Structure formats: C-alpha cells, structure tokens
C-alpha cells in the first residue's frame, strides 16, 4: 500500500531552509522520513532501458534518489 506524502517541497541548492526545518521537526518528533528526488532538466533525461534490461538487470533507477529518516528516539543520531 502506497503512502501519499503529507507535504511536497521544491528545494534548490541555494534555498534549503524549508528542507532543514522539515527534517528538524521530524527529528524532534522522532518520526517520519524525507525522500529526495532530483529534478532532471528537460533534454537531459536518461535514455529509456529495454524491457529485457529492466526485467533481468539488478541495476537501480537511472536517476537515483535518497531517503533521510528521523531517529527512532529524539536526540539520537539520524540516518
């Protein structure tokens, strides 16, 4: 079952305050996670993979993403 996001933030390298505030609130609550998905500029998308490569390859997504999760206990190290 998919979980829909509570909030979607658009973040640029020069403006990270919204992301920092969200991560800080989650760390204080010891709950939640943030998925960071890069935006690919138009014309720079990776080429599509063939169905054979998709089925039989263990390779991940062409454009990687990252997940940050809050610690299980407030004040603990985050991952």
Protein backbone atom coordinates (compact mmCIF):
# COMPACT_ATOMS: atom_id res chain seq x y z
CA UNK A 1 0.00 0.00 0.00
CA UNK A 2 1.46 3.34 -1.03
CA UNK A 3 1.58 6.24 1.38
CA UNK A 4 0.84 9.65 -0.05
CA UNK A 5 3.16 12.46 1.03
CA UNK A 6 1.96 14.91 3.66
CA UNK A 7 3.92 17.69 2.04
CA UNK A 8 5.90 18.23 -1.14
CA UNK A 9 8.72 20.79 -1.13
CA UNK A 10 10.61 22.15 -4.07
CA UNK A 11 14.18 22.78 -2.95
CA UNK A 12 17.09 24.45 -4.71
CA UNK A 13 20.74 24.30 -3.72
CA UNK A 14 20.57 27.97 -2.71
CA UNK A 15 17.40 27.67 -0.61
CA UNK A 16 17.48 24.74 1.82
CA UNK A 17 15.67 26.36 4.78
CA UNK A 18 12.34 24.58 4.16
CA UNK A 19 14.03 21.18 3.96
CA UNK A 20 16.11 21.86 7.07
CA UNK A 21 13.01 22.94 9.04
CA UNK A 22 11.08 19.85 7.95
CA UNK A 23 13.94 17.49 8.85
CA UNK A 24 14.43 19.22 12.20
CA UNK A 25 10.73 18.89 13.07
CA UNK A 26 10.79 15.20 12.16
CA UNK A 27 13.96 14.62 14.21
CA UNK A 28 12.35 16.33 17.23
CA UNK A 29 9.23 14.17 16.81
CA UNK A 30 11.37 11.04 16.20
CA UNK A 31 9.08 10.16 13.32
CA UNK A 32 8.97 10.43 9.56
CA UNK A 33 11.19 10.43 6.53
CA UNK A 34 12.07 12.60 3.56
CA UNK A 35 12.54 11.31 0.02
CA UNK A 36 14.87 13.48 -2.04
CA UNK A 37 14.17 13.13 -5.75
CA UNK A 38 16.24 15.25 -8.15
CA UNK A 39 14.57 17.12 -10.97
CA UNK A 40 16.11 16.36 -14.35
CA UNK A 41 16.28 19.26 -16.78
CA UNK A 42 14.34 18.85 -19.98
CA UNK A 43 16.55 17.34 -22.67
CA UNK A 44 18.86 15.67 -20.13
CA UNK A 45 16.69 12.67 -19.27
CA UNK A 46 18.45 9.30 -19.26
CA UNK A 47 17.68 7.08 -22.26
CA UNK A 48 14.92 4.51 -21.72
CA UNK A 49 16.00 0.96 -20.89
CA UNK A 50 14.88 -2.01 -22.91
CA UNK A 51 12.32 -4.37 -21.39
CA UNK A 52 14.94 -7.15 -21.28
CA UNK A 53 17.37 -4.95 -19.34
CA UNK A 54 14.59 -3.89 -16.99
CA UNK A 55 13.49 -7.46 -16.24
CA UNK A 56 16.90 -9.14 -15.97
CA UNK A 57 19.06 -6.35 -14.54
CA UNK A 58 19.67 -5.61 -10.88
CA UNK A 59 20.56 -2.02 -11.73
CA UNK A 60 18.56 0.65 -9.96
CA UNK A 61 16.95 3.78 -11.29
CA UNK A 62 18.87 5.84 -13.85
CA UNK A 63 18.29 8.96 -11.73
CA UNK A 64 19.00 8.00 -8.10
CA UNK A 65 17.10 9.36 -5.14
CA UNK A 66 17.91 9.42 -1.43
CA UNK A 67 15.87 8.92 1.73
CA UNK A 68 16.53 10.53 5.10
CA UNK A 69 14.75 9.08 8.12
CA UNK A 70 14.28 10.55 11.56
CA UNK A 71 15.82 8.77 14.54
CA UNK A 72 13.60 6.37 16.48
CA UNK A 73 14.29 8.33 19.66
CA UNK A 74 14.51 12.11 19.82
CA UNK A 75 18.09 13.32 20.21
CA UNK A 76 19.61 10.21 18.65
CA UNK A 77 21.74 10.14 15.52
CA UNK A 78 19.77 10.46 12.30
CA UNK A 79 20.28 8.26 9.26
